[in-house]
Amino acid sequence: MTPQEIKTYLSKPHRESPMGGHFFGVYSECPWKFFLRYVLGFQPTESQRYFIRGQAIHSGIELCIDDGFDPATGLSTAVGYVDLHADELGVDYEDDRKLVSAMMMEWTNEYATGGAKPDSARYTELGREVEGVLRLSNGYEISIRFDRVVRCRQTGRILIIDTKTTSRSISSPFRSLTQGVQAISYLLAGTQLYGEAPLGFIADVIVGKHLKAGPSVLVQRSPLITFSKYAGIQYELNMIGLLSEITQKVKTYQSGELPCEMLFPRSTALCSMWNCPFENICRRRPDPAVVPLGFTHDPRLSLEVLS
C-alpha cells in the first residue's frame, strides 16, 4: 500500500457514536459518571490521548489486514495517525509515537505474521470497521461498529473480533468483557446483520505503558465469549429498561424537578477500583456552564437521540 493511500485513509473522520454500547456501560458502572460525561458533556483531556492511541492501533490493524497482513503498512498507518494529532498530544507526542509503534509491532508479531498459525491462516476476513445496528423490539436502535468480522475456516461460522487498547492491567478489559454487555450486544447485532448466529466474540487486548526504560507492551487474546438465547432475551429487556430510565431521568433533570445527585447517584464502590478520570470533580456539584480544569466540553447526548 502506497504512502498516499495510507494518507487518504487517515483523512477519514473517526467519530464516537453517541448510542454505542459504551453509552450503557458507563451508566451501568456509575450513573454520576454518565451524568458528567454525557449529560453535561465533560470529557477528561487526558482521555483524548488514550482515544488517539486507540484509533491509531485500530487504523493500523485495519490497513495491515487490507494489505494482506503487511506489518509495514500497519506500522506506517498507526504512526501516521499519531503524527496527524501531534498538536493534541503536546509535549508527550514523541513518547506516544514510540508507544503506538511498539503496540502495533507487538500485535503484528502475535497475530499477523507470528505464531504457528496466524490469523490469515485461521480466518477469512469478511469486513473491518463494519457499521451495524442492533434493533430492539420496541424500536430503539443501538449503533454497533465491529472492528473485525471473520469466518472461521475450521467451523465455517462467523466470528467477531474486537480490539481493546489500555494502559491498565490486562485483567481490567477481560473483566469488563465477561461481566459487561458489549460482547452480547455485538453477537445479537451480528446475528441481525449477517442472518446467522456468530460462533462467538473474542477481543485482542493490547496493553501499552510508558516506562523509564521505554514502552512496555503486552498483547493477549481473550477466550471465546458466547451467550445463551435466554441471556440475549434478558439483555434486550435490560436495554429497553435502561433507555427508558435514562430518557426519563434526563428529562426530569432538564425540567429542574429533581437535583442531579438524586437522579444520577454516585457508585462509590467503583471509585477505588478503576481510578476514575472524573474523581477530581466527583464530590462537588458541577456547574453546567463552567468546564472544569482538565476537561473539555464535548456534548454527545441529546433527547432526540433517545426519543
C-alpha atoms as a PDB file:
ATOM      1  CA  MET A   1       0.000   0.000   0.000  1.00  0.00           C
ATOM      2  CA  THR A   2       1.419   3.374  -1.015  1.00  0.00           C
ATOM      3  CA  PRO A   3       2.022   6.280   1.398  1.00  0.00           C
ATOM      4  CA  GLN A   4      -0.650   8.290  -0.456  1.00  0.00           C
ATOM      5  CA  GLU A   5      -3.233   5.531   0.027  1.00  0.00           C
ATOM      6  CA  ILE A   6      -2.436   5.456   3.738  1.00  0.00           C
ATOM      7  CA  LYS A   7      -2.693   9.249   3.931  1.00  0.00           C
ATOM      8  CA  THR A   8      -6.089   9.154   2.196  1.00  0.00           C
ATOM      9  CA  TYR A   9      -7.352   6.569   4.673  1.00  0.00           C
ATOM     10  CA  LEU A  10      -6.153   8.594   7.649  1.00  0.00           C
ATOM     11  CA  SER A  11      -8.069  11.630   6.420  1.00  0.00           C
ATOM     12  CA  LYS A  12     -11.363   9.837   7.141  1.00  0.00           C
ATOM     13  CA  PRO A  13     -13.118  11.088  10.291  1.00  0.00           C
ATOM     14  CA  HIS A  14     -13.312   8.729  13.270  1.00  0.00           C
ATOM     15  CA  ARG A  15     -16.272   9.505  15.483  1.00  0.00           C
ATOM     16  CA  GLU A  16     -17.660   8.044  18.657  1.00  0.00           C
ATOM     17  CA  SER A  17     -21.261   7.012  18.203  1.00  0.00           C
ATOM     18  CA  PRO A  18     -23.472   8.561  20.917  1.00  0.00           C
ATOM     19  CA  MET A  19     -25.658   5.478  21.195  1.00  0.00           C
ATOM     20  CA  GLY A  20     -22.994   2.792  21.156  1.00  0.00           C
ATOM     21  CA  GLY A  21     -22.585   0.036  23.699  1.00  0.00           C
ATOM     22  CA  HIS A  22     -20.199   2.153  25.814  1.00  0.00           C
ATOM     23  CA  PHE A  23     -23.086   4.573  26.421  1.00  0.00           C
ATOM     24  CA  PHE A  24     -24.895   1.969  28.526  1.00  0.00           C
ATOM     25  CA  GLY A  25     -21.732   0.587  30.049  1.00  0.00           C
ATOM     26  CA  VAL A  26     -20.883   3.944  31.581  1.00  0.00           C
ATOM     27  CA  TYR A  27     -24.382   4.316  33.018  1.00  0.00           C
ATOM     28  CA  SER A  28     -24.306   0.811  34.466  1.00  0.00           C
ATOM     29  CA  GLU A  29     -20.896   1.396  36.054  1.00  0.00           C
ATOM     30  CA  CYS A  30     -21.755   4.747  37.590  1.00  0.00           C
ATOM     31  CA  PRO A  31     -24.796   6.950  36.837  1.00  0.00           C
ATOM     32  CA  TRP A  32     -22.914  10.017  38.135  1.00  0.00           C
ATOM     33  CA  LYS A  33     -20.054   9.435  35.704  1.00  0.00           C
ATOM     34  CA  PHE A  34     -22.656   9.095  32.941  1.00  0.00           C
ATOM     35  CA  PHE A  35     -24.195  12.415  34.002  1.00  0.00           C
ATOM     36  CA  LEU A  36     -20.850  14.231  33.905  1.00  0.00           C
ATOM     37  CA  ARG A  37     -19.795  12.676  30.622  1.00  0.00           C
ATOM     38  CA  TYR A  38     -22.965  12.545  28.554  1.00  0.00           C
ATOM     39  CA  VAL A  39     -25.481  14.959  30.068  1.00  0.00           C
ATOM     40  CA  LEU A  40     -23.036  17.776  30.855  1.00  0.00           C
ATOM     41  CA  GLY A  41     -20.564  16.756  28.148  1.00  0.00           C
ATOM     42  CA  PHE A  42     -17.407  16.942  30.289  1.00  0.00           C
ATOM     43  CA  GLN A  43     -14.604  14.967  28.643  1.00  0.00           C
ATOM     44  CA  PRO A  44     -11.295  14.459  30.512  1.00  0.00           C
ATOM     45  CA  THR A  45      -8.498  15.981  28.460  1.00  0.00           C
ATOM     46  CA  GLU A  46      -6.241  13.020  29.175  1.00  0.00           C
ATOM     47  CA  SER A  47      -8.869  10.667  27.740  1.00  0.00           C
ATOM     48  CA  GLN A  48      -8.256  12.218  24.324  1.00  0.00           C
ATOM     49  CA  ARG A  49      -4.693  10.913  24.453  1.00  0.00           C
ATOM     50  CA  TYR A  50      -5.919   7.356  25.024  1.00  0.00           C
ATOM     51  CA  PHE A  51      -8.524   7.793  22.277  1.00  0.00           C
ATOM     52  CA  ILE A  52      -5.832   8.840  19.791  1.00  0.00           C
ATOM     53  CA  ARG A  53      -3.678   5.861  20.704  1.00  0.00           C
ATOM     54  CA  GLY A  54      -6.624   3.509  20.347  1.00  0.00           C
ATOM     55  CA  GLN A  55      -7.656   4.904  16.976  1.00  0.00           C
ATOM     56  CA  ALA A  56      -4.058   4.695  15.778  1.00  0.00           C
ATOM     57  CA  ILE A  57      -3.941   0.970  16.601  1.00  0.00           C
ATOM     58  CA  HIS A  58      -7.382   0.311  15.095  1.00  0.00           C
ATOM     59  CA  SER A  59      -6.367   2.117  11.903  1.00  0.00           C
ATOM     60  CA  GLY A  60      -3.079   0.240  11.717  1.00  0.00           C
ATOM     61  CA  ILE A  61      -4.759  -3.156  12.125  1.00  0.00           C
ATOM     62  CA  GLU A  62      -7.404  -2.354   9.517  1.00  0.00           C
ATOM     63  CA  LEU A  63      -4.936  -1.369   6.812  1.00  0.00           C
ATOM     64  CA  CYS A  64      -2.478  -4.100   7.793  1.00  0.00           C
ATOM     65  CA  ILE A  65      -5.185  -6.692   7.070  1.00  0.00           C
ATOM     66  CA  ASP A  66      -6.420  -4.887   3.947  1.00  0.00           C
ATOM     67  CA  ASP A  67      -2.876  -5.021   2.585  1.00  0.00           C
ATOM     68  CA  GLY A  68      -2.550  -8.771   3.035  1.00  0.00           C
ATOM     69  CA  PHE A  69      -1.407  -8.619   6.665  1.00  0.00           C
ATOM     70  CA  ASP A  70       1.557  -6.430   5.761  1.00  0.00           C
ATOM     71  CA  PRO A  71       3.249  -5.300   9.021  1.00  0.00           C
ATOM     72  CA  ALA A  72       4.893  -2.306   7.334  1.00  0.00           C
ATOM     73  CA  THR A  73       1.527  -0.930   6.245  1.00  0.00           C
ATOM     74  CA  GLY A  74       0.101  -1.385   9.735  1.00  0.00           C
ATOM     75  CA  LEU A  75       3.024   0.362  11.365  1.00  0.00           C
ATOM     76  CA  SER A  76       3.045   3.266   8.893  1.00  0.00           C
ATOM     77  CA  THR A  77      -0.695   3.780   9.356  1.00  0.00           C
ATOM     78  CA  ALA A  78      -0.626   3.673  13.161  1.00  0.00           C
ATOM     79  CA  VAL A  79       2.313   6.052  13.433  1.00  0.00           C
ATOM     80  CA  GLY A  80       0.819   8.274  10.738  1.00  0.00           C
ATOM     81  CA  TYR A  81      -2.365   8.649  12.781  1.00  0.00           C
ATOM     82  CA  VAL A  82      -0.327   9.785  15.780  1.00  0.00           C
ATOM     83  CA  ASP A  83       1.556  12.264  13.578  1.00  0.00           C
ATOM     84  CA  LEU A  84      -1.749  13.788  12.459  1.00  0.00           C
ATOM     85  CA  HIS A  85      -2.610  14.527  16.103  1.00  0.00           C
ATOM     86  CA  ALA A  86       0.792  15.758  17.262  1.00  0.00           C
ATOM     87  CA  ASP A  87      -0.608  19.128  18.376  1.00  0.00           C
ATOM     88  CA  GLU A  88      -3.234  17.478  20.577  1.00  0.00           C
ATOM     89  CA  LEU A  89      -0.664  15.177  22.182  1.00  0.00           C
ATOM     90  CA  GLY A  90       1.636  18.088  23.013  1.00  0.00           C
ATOM     91  CA  VAL A  91       4.962  17.562  24.746  1.00  0.00           C
ATOM     92  CA  ASP A  92       4.412  13.799  25.082  1.00  0.00           C
ATOM     93  CA  TYR A  93       3.967  13.327  21.344  1.00  0.00           C
ATOM     94  CA  GLU A  94       7.274  11.503  20.819  1.00  0.00           C
ATOM     95  CA  ASP A  95       6.593   9.125  23.704  1.00  0.00           C
ATOM     96  CA  ASP A  96       3.137   8.362  22.336  1.00  0.00           C
ATOM     97  CA  ARG A  97       4.593   7.783  18.900  1.00  0.00           C
ATOM     98  CA  LYS A  98       7.090   5.253  20.264  1.00  0.00           C
ATOM     99  CA  LEU A  99       4.418   3.548  22.358  1.00  0.00           C
ATOM    100  CA  VAL A 100       1.954   3.188  19.465  1.00  0.00           C
ATOM    101  CA  SER A 101       4.761   1.871  17.263  1.00  0.00           C
ATOM    102  CA  ALA A 102       5.638  -0.783  19.857  1.00  0.00           C
ATOM    103  CA  MET A 103       1.975  -1.749  20.366  1.00  0.00           C
ATOM    104  CA  MET A 104       1.384  -2.127  16.635  1.00  0.00           C
ATOM    105  CA  MET A 105       4.521  -4.209  16.105  1.00  0.00           C
ATOM    106  CA  GLU A 106       3.596  -6.492  19.003  1.00  0.00           C
ATOM    107  CA  TRP A 107       0.138  -7.126  17.539  1.00  0.00           C
ATOM    108  CA  THR A 108       1.514  -7.911  14.072  1.00  0.00           C
ATOM    109  CA  ASN A 109       4.143 -10.212  15.565  1.00  0.00           C
ATOM    110  CA  GLU A 110       1.467 -12.065  17.516  1.00  0.00           C
ATOM    111  CA  TYR A 111      -1.390 -12.364  15.016  1.00  0.00           C
ATOM    112  CA  ALA A 112      -0.401 -11.109  11.564  1.00  0.00           C
ATOM    113  CA  THR A 113       2.925 -12.832  10.910  1.00  0.00           C
ATOM    114  CA  GLY A 114       3.993 -14.709  14.023  1.00  0.00           C
ATOM    115  CA  GLY A 115       2.922 -17.855  15.760  1.00  0.00           C
ATOM    116  CA  ALA A 116       2.326 -21.318  14.372  1.00  0.00           C
ATOM    117  CA  LYS A 117      -0.971 -20.283  12.817  1.00  0.00           C
ATOM    118  CA  PRO A 118      -1.523 -16.533  12.203  1.00  0.00           C
ATOM    119  CA  ASP A 119      -4.968 -15.064  11.617  1.00  0.00           C
ATOM    120  CA  SER A 120      -4.504 -15.153   7.840  1.00  0.00           C
ATOM    121  CA  ALA A 121      -4.437 -18.959   8.093  1.00  0.00           C
ATOM    122  CA  ARG A 122      -7.255 -19.245  10.641  1.00  0.00           C
ATOM    123  CA  TYR A 123      -9.864 -16.878   9.223  1.00  0.00           C
ATOM    124  CA  THR A 124     -11.378 -15.467   6.076  1.00  0.00           C
ATOM    125  CA  GLU A 125     -11.857 -11.732   6.523  1.00  0.00           C
ATOM    126  CA  LEU A 126     -15.431 -10.526   5.919  1.00  0.00           C
ATOM    127  CA  GLY A 127     -15.073  -6.910   6.956  1.00  0.00           C
ATOM    128  CA  ARG A 128     -13.326  -4.338   9.129  1.00  0.00           C
ATOM    129  CA  GLU A 129     -14.857  -1.352  10.865  1.00  0.00           C
ATOM    130  CA  VAL A 130     -18.265  -2.720   9.893  1.00  0.00           C
ATOM    131  CA  GLU A 131     -21.178  -0.460  10.800  1.00  0.00           C
ATOM    132  CA  GLY A 132     -24.200  -2.225  12.231  1.00  0.00           C
ATOM    133  CA  VAL A 133     -27.358  -1.521  14.210  1.00  0.00           C
ATOM    134  CA  LEU A 134     -28.893  -3.580  16.987  1.00  0.00           C
ATOM    135  CA  ARG A 135     -32.659  -3.139  16.672  1.00  0.00           C
ATOM    136  CA  LEU A 136     -34.627  -3.755  19.844  1.00  0.00           C
ATOM    137  CA  SER A 137     -38.209  -4.942  19.809  1.00  0.00           C
ATOM    138  CA  ASN A 138     -39.569  -1.564  20.969  1.00  0.00           C
ATOM    139  CA  GLY A 139     -37.986   0.316  18.048  1.00  0.00           C
ATOM    140  CA  TYR A 140     -34.848   1.564  19.790  1.00  0.00           C
ATOM    141  CA  GLU A 141     -31.639   1.230  17.796  1.00  0.00           C
ATOM    142  CA  ILE A 142     -28.141   0.861  19.238  1.00  0.00           C
ATOM    143  CA  SER A 143     -25.245   1.622  16.905  1.00  0.00           C
ATOM    144  CA  ILE A 144     -22.539  -1.028  16.728  1.00  0.00           C
ATOM    145  CA  ARG A 145     -19.172  -0.932  14.993  1.00  0.00           C
ATOM    146  CA  PHE A 146     -17.413  -4.267  14.542  1.00  0.00           C
ATOM    147  CA  ASP A 147     -13.628  -3.966  14.414  1.00  0.00           C
ATOM    148  CA  ARG A 148     -13.358  -7.242  12.514  1.00  0.00           C
ATOM    149  CA  VAL A 149     -15.793  -9.842  11.249  1.00  0.00           C
ATOM    150  CA  VAL A 150     -14.221 -13.087  10.069  1.00  0.00           C
ATOM    151  CA  ARG A 151     -15.288 -16.581   9.097  1.00  0.00           C
ATOM    152  CA  CYS A 152     -13.545 -19.364  10.929  1.00  0.00           C
ATOM    153  CA  ARG A 153     -12.112 -21.783   8.385  1.00  0.00           C
ATOM    154  CA  GLN A 154     -12.370 -24.709  10.784  1.00  0.00           C
ATOM    155  CA  THR A 155     -16.044 -24.314  11.710  1.00  0.00           C
ATOM    156  CA  GLY A 156     -17.369 -22.267   8.785  1.00  0.00           C
ATOM    157  CA  ARG A 157     -19.086 -19.835  11.197  1.00  0.00           C
ATOM    158  CA  ILE A 158     -18.600 -16.099  11.564  1.00  0.00           C
ATOM    159  CA  LEU A 159     -16.650 -14.680  14.476  1.00  0.00           C
ATOM    160  CA  ILE A 160     -16.475 -11.126  15.804  1.00  0.00           C
ATOM    161  CA  ILE A 161     -13.053  -9.827  16.871  1.00  0.00           C
ATOM    162  CA  ASP A 162     -12.689  -6.594  18.817  1.00  0.00           C
ATOM    163  CA  THR A 163      -9.524  -4.690  19.691  1.00  0.00           C
ATOM    164  CA  LYS A 164      -9.053  -3.137  23.114  1.00  0.00           C
ATOM    165  CA  THR A 165      -6.205  -0.790  23.986  1.00  0.00           C
ATOM    166  CA  THR A 166      -5.462   0.179  27.559  1.00  0.00           C
ATOM    167  CA  SER A 167      -2.725   1.475  29.817  1.00  0.00           C
ATOM    168  CA  ARG A 168      -4.046  -0.534  32.771  1.00  0.00           C
ATOM    169  CA  SER A 169      -3.578  -4.176  33.648  1.00  0.00           C
ATOM    170  CA  ILE A 170      -4.639  -6.921  31.268  1.00  0.00           C
ATOM    171  CA  SER A 171      -7.304  -8.080  33.726  1.00  0.00           C
ATOM    172  CA  SER A 172      -9.444  -4.908  33.580  1.00  0.00           C
ATOM    173  CA  PRO A 173     -10.675  -5.241  29.975  1.00  0.00           C
ATOM    174  CA  PHE A 174     -11.089  -9.011  30.342  1.00  0.00           C
ATOM    175  CA  ARG A 175     -13.237  -8.479  33.416  1.00  0.00           C
ATOM    176  CA  SER A 176     -15.378  -5.862  31.701  1.00  0.00           C
ATOM    177  CA  LEU A 177     -15.854  -8.157  28.688  1.00  0.00           C
ATOM    178  CA  THR A 178     -17.095 -11.108  30.717  1.00  0.00           C
ATOM    179  CA  GLN A 179     -19.216  -9.030  33.109  1.00  0.00           C
ATOM    180  CA  GLY A 180     -20.383  -6.277  30.761  1.00  0.00           C
ATOM    181  CA  VAL A 181     -22.807  -6.037  27.867  1.00  0.00           C
ATOM    182  CA  GLN A 182     -20.605  -5.264  24.865  1.00  0.00           C
ATOM    183  CA  ALA A 183     -19.970  -8.834  23.795  1.00  0.00           C
ATOM    184  CA  ILE A 184     -23.607  -9.871  23.871  1.00  0.00           C
ATOM    185  CA  SER A 185     -24.714  -6.709  22.049  1.00  0.00           C
ATOM    186  CA  TYR A 186     -22.176  -7.445  19.298  1.00  0.00           C
ATOM    187  CA  LEU A 187     -23.348 -11.042  18.963  1.00  0.00           C
ATOM    188  CA  LEU A 188     -27.005 -10.010  18.717  1.00  0.00           C
ATOM    189  CA  ALA A 189     -26.213  -7.266  16.201  1.00  0.00           C
ATOM    190  CA  GLY A 190     -24.058  -9.684  14.221  1.00  0.00           C
ATOM    191  CA  THR A 191     -26.952 -12.112  14.010  1.00  0.00           C
ATOM    192  CA  GLN A 192     -29.232  -9.367  12.659  1.00  0.00           C
ATOM    193  CA  LEU A 193     -26.652  -8.101  10.183  1.00  0.00           C
ATOM    194  CA  TYR A 194     -25.452 -11.423   8.759  1.00  0.00           C
ATOM    195  CA  GLY A 195     -28.552 -13.552   9.224  1.00  0.00           C
ATOM    196  CA  GLU A 196     -26.710 -16.201  11.205  1.00  0.00           C
ATOM    197  CA  ALA A 197     -25.641 -16.552  14.806  1.00  0.00           C
ATOM    198  CA  PRO A 198     -21.900 -15.862  15.248  1.00  0.00           C
ATOM    199  CA  LEU A 199     -19.691 -18.540  16.730  1.00  0.00           C
ATOM    200  CA  GLY A 200     -18.739 -16.031  19.409  1.00  0.00           C
ATOM    201  CA  PHE A 201     -16.818 -12.910  20.305  1.00  0.00           C
ATOM    202  CA  ILE A 202     -13.132 -12.535  21.103  1.00  0.00           C
ATOM    203  CA  ALA A 203     -11.029  -9.495  21.934  1.00  0.00           C
ATOM    204  CA  ASP A 204      -7.401  -8.650  21.323  1.00  0.00           C
ATOM    205  CA  VAL A 205      -6.280  -6.649  24.360  1.00  0.00           C
ATOM    206  CA  ILE A 206      -3.162  -4.518  23.849  1.00  0.00           C
ATOM    207  CA  VAL A 207      -1.693  -3.006  26.999  1.00  0.00           C
ATOM    208  CA  GLY A 208       0.762  -0.168  26.409  1.00  0.00           C
ATOM    209  CA  LYS A 209       2.560   1.753  29.132  1.00  0.00           C
ATOM    210  CA  HIS A 210       5.270   4.386  29.295  1.00  0.00           C
ATOM    211  CA  LEU A 211       8.189   3.264  31.469  1.00  0.00           C
ATOM    212  CA  LYS A 212      11.528   4.949  32.102  1.00  0.00           C
ATOM    213  CA  ALA A 213      13.249   2.166  30.178  1.00  0.00           C
ATOM    214  CA  GLY A 214      10.877   2.639  27.228  1.00  0.00           C
ATOM    215  CA  PRO A 215       7.483   1.324  26.060  1.00  0.00           C
ATOM    216  CA  SER A 216       6.082  -1.758  27.778  1.00  0.00           C
ATOM    217  CA  VAL A 217       3.582  -3.742  25.692  1.00  0.00           C
ATOM    218  CA  LEU A 218       1.559  -6.880  26.348  1.00  0.00           C
ATOM    219  CA  VAL A 219      -0.845  -8.440  23.830  1.00  0.00           C
ATOM    220  CA  GLN A 220      -3.329 -11.141  24.751  1.00  0.00           C
ATOM    221  CA  ARG A 221      -6.399 -12.599  23.066  1.00  0.00           C
ATOM    222  CA  SER A 222      -9.454 -13.379  25.173  1.00  0.00           C
ATOM    223  CA  PRO A 223     -11.114 -16.784  25.256  1.00  0.00           C
ATOM    224  CA  LEU A 224     -14.176 -17.248  23.056  1.00  0.00           C
ATOM    225  CA  ILE A 225     -17.150 -15.475  24.648  1.00  0.00           C
ATOM    226  CA  THR A 226     -20.654 -16.821  23.974  1.00  0.00           C
ATOM    227  CA  PHE A 227     -24.107 -16.330  25.464  1.00  0.00           C
ATOM    228  CA  SER A 228     -27.261 -18.391  25.676  1.00  0.00           C
ATOM    229  CA  LYS A 229     -30.504 -17.458  23.950  1.00  0.00           C
ATOM    230  CA  TYR A 230     -32.001 -16.618  27.336  1.00  0.00           C
ATOM    231  CA  ALA A 231     -29.160 -14.174  28.032  1.00  0.00           C
ATOM    232  CA  GLY A 232     -29.949 -12.415  24.743  1.00  0.00           C
ATOM    233  CA  ILE A 233     -33.605 -12.015  25.712  1.00  0.00           C
ATOM    234  CA  GLN A 234     -32.611 -10.727  29.137  1.00  0.00           C
ATOM    235  CA  TYR A 235     -30.143  -8.292  27.582  1.00  0.00           C
ATOM    236  CA  GLU A 236     -32.803  -6.794  25.314  1.00  0.00           C
ATOM    237  CA  LEU A 237     -35.226  -6.345  28.217  1.00  0.00           C
ATOM    238  CA  ASN A 238     -32.482  -4.697  30.256  1.00  0.00           C
ATOM    239  CA  MET A 239     -31.545  -2.332  27.405  1.00  0.00           C
ATOM    240  CA  ILE A 240     -35.162  -1.273  26.866  1.00  0.00           C
ATOM    241  CA  GLY A 241     -35.471  -0.603  30.584  1.00  0.00           C
ATOM    242  CA  LEU A 242     -32.187   1.332  30.691  1.00  0.00           C
ATOM    243  CA  LEU A 243     -33.106   3.518  27.725  1.00  0.00           C
ATOM    244  CA  SER A 244     -36.479   4.358  29.255  1.00  0.00           C
ATOM    245  CA  GLU A 245     -34.856   5.083  32.604  1.00  0.00           C
ATOM    246  CA  ILE A 246     -32.130   7.303  31.136  1.00  0.00           C
ATOM    247  CA  THR A 247     -34.586   9.212  28.961  1.00  0.00           C
ATOM    248  CA  GLN A 248     -36.886   9.955  31.881  1.00  0.00           C
ATOM    249  CA  LYS A 249     -34.018  10.973  34.168  1.00  0.00           C
ATOM    250  CA  VAL A 250     -32.548  13.388  31.633  1.00  0.00           C
ATOM    251  CA  LYS A 251     -35.955  14.973  31.033  1.00  0.00           C
ATOM    252  CA  THR A 252     -36.541  15.292  34.773  1.00  0.00           C
ATOM    253  CA  TYR A 253     -33.109  16.878  35.286  1.00  0.00           C
ATOM    254  CA  GLN A 254     -33.639  19.381  32.493  1.00  0.00           C
ATOM    255  CA  SER A 255     -37.037  20.293  33.892  1.00  0.00           C
ATOM    256  CA  GLY A 256     -35.444  21.122  37.246  1.00  0.00           C
ATOM    257  CA  GLU A 257     -37.856  18.900  39.190  1.00  0.00           C
ATOM    258  CA  LEU A 258     -35.118  16.947  40.996  1.00  0.00           C
ATOM    259  CA  PRO A 259     -31.410  17.592  41.694  1.00  0.00           C
ATOM    260  CA  CYS A 260     -28.863  15.747  39.600  1.00  0.00           C
ATOM    261  CA  GLU A 261     -27.488  13.863  42.635  1.00  0.00           C
ATOM    262  CA  MET A 262     -30.821  12.140  43.205  1.00  0.00           C
ATOM    263  CA  LEU A 263     -31.276  11.206  39.564  1.00  0.00           C
ATOM    264  CA  PHE A 264     -27.701  10.055  38.912  1.00  0.00           C
ATOM    265  CA  PRO A 265     -26.238   8.662  42.157  1.00  0.00           C
ATOM    266  CA  ARG A 266     -22.521   8.019  42.572  1.00  0.00           C
ATOM    267  CA  SER A 267     -21.281   4.451  42.511  1.00  0.00           C
ATOM    268  CA  THR A 268     -18.642   4.812  45.211  1.00  0.00           C
ATOM    269  CA  ALA A 269     -17.535   1.179  45.000  1.00  0.00           C
ATOM    270  CA  LEU A 270     -16.012   1.776  41.565  1.00  0.00           C
ATOM    271  CA  CYS A 271     -14.025   4.880  42.515  1.00  0.00           C
ATOM    272  CA  SER A 272     -11.230   2.930  44.188  1.00  0.00           C
ATOM    273  CA  MET A 273     -11.330   0.053  41.679  1.00  0.00           C
ATOM    274  CA  TRP A 274     -10.971   1.861  38.376  1.00  0.00           C
ATOM    275  CA  ASN A 275      -9.068   5.089  39.105  1.00  0.00           C
ATOM    276  CA  CYS A 276     -11.914   7.075  37.549  1.00  0.00           C
ATOM    277  CA  PRO A 277     -10.831  10.076  35.411  1.00  0.00           C
ATOM    278  CA  PHE A 278     -13.708  12.088  36.929  1.00  0.00           C
ATOM    279  CA  GLU A 279     -12.570  11.626  40.535  1.00  0.00           C
ATOM    280  CA  ASN A 280     -11.257  15.190  40.862  1.00  0.00           C
ATOM    281  CA  ILE A 281     -14.692  16.680  40.131  1.00  0.00           C
ATOM    282  CA  CYS A 282     -16.839  13.879  41.515  1.00  0.00           C
ATOM    283  CA  ARG A 283     -17.500  15.158  45.044  1.00  0.00           C
ATOM    284  CA  ARG A 284     -18.914  18.576  44.281  1.00  0.00           C
ATOM    285  CA  ARG A 285     -21.968  19.717  42.367  1.00  0.00           C
ATOM    286  CA  PRO A 286     -20.865  20.748  38.868  1.00  0.00           C
ATOM    287  CA  ASP A 287     -21.791  23.986  37.170  1.00  0.00           C
ATOM    288  CA  PRO A 288     -23.023  23.055  33.678  1.00  0.00           C
ATOM    289  CA  ALA A 289     -21.863  26.409  32.341  1.00  0.00           C
ATOM    290  CA  VAL A 290     -18.279  26.036  33.601  1.00  0.00           C
ATOM    291  CA  VAL A 291     -15.950  23.415  32.131  1.00  0.00           C
ATOM    292  CA  PRO A 292     -13.684  22.119  34.931  1.00  0.00           C
ATOM    293  CA  LEU A 293      -9.906  22.365  34.711  1.00  0.00           C
ATOM    294  CA  GLY A 294      -8.520  19.341  32.871  1.00  0.00           C
ATOM    295  CA  PHE A 295     -11.706  18.818  30.859  1.00  0.00           C
ATOM    296  CA  THR A 296     -13.185  19.887  27.551  1.00  0.00           C
ATOM    297  CA  HIS A 297     -16.845  20.287  26.607  1.00  0.00           C
ATOM    298  CA  ASP A 298     -17.963  17.629  24.176  1.00  0.00           C
ATOM    299  CA  PRO A 299     -21.735  17.081  24.300  1.00  0.00           C
ATOM    300  CA  ARG A 300     -22.816  13.728  22.866  1.00  0.00           C
ATOM    301  CA  LEU A 301     -26.260  13.148  24.353  1.00  0.00           C
ATOM    302  CA  SER A 302     -29.493  14.629  23.080  1.00  0.00           C
ATOM    303  CA  LEU A 303     -33.089  13.796  23.887  1.00  0.00           C
ATOM    304  CA  GLU A 304     -33.753  13.454  20.169  1.00  0.00           C
ATOM    305  CA  VAL A 305     -31.332  10.507  20.110  1.00  0.00           C
ATOM    306  CA  LEU A 306     -33.300   8.796  22.869  1.00  0.00           C
ATOM    307  CA  SER A 307     -36.816   9.531  21.614  1.00  0.00           C
END
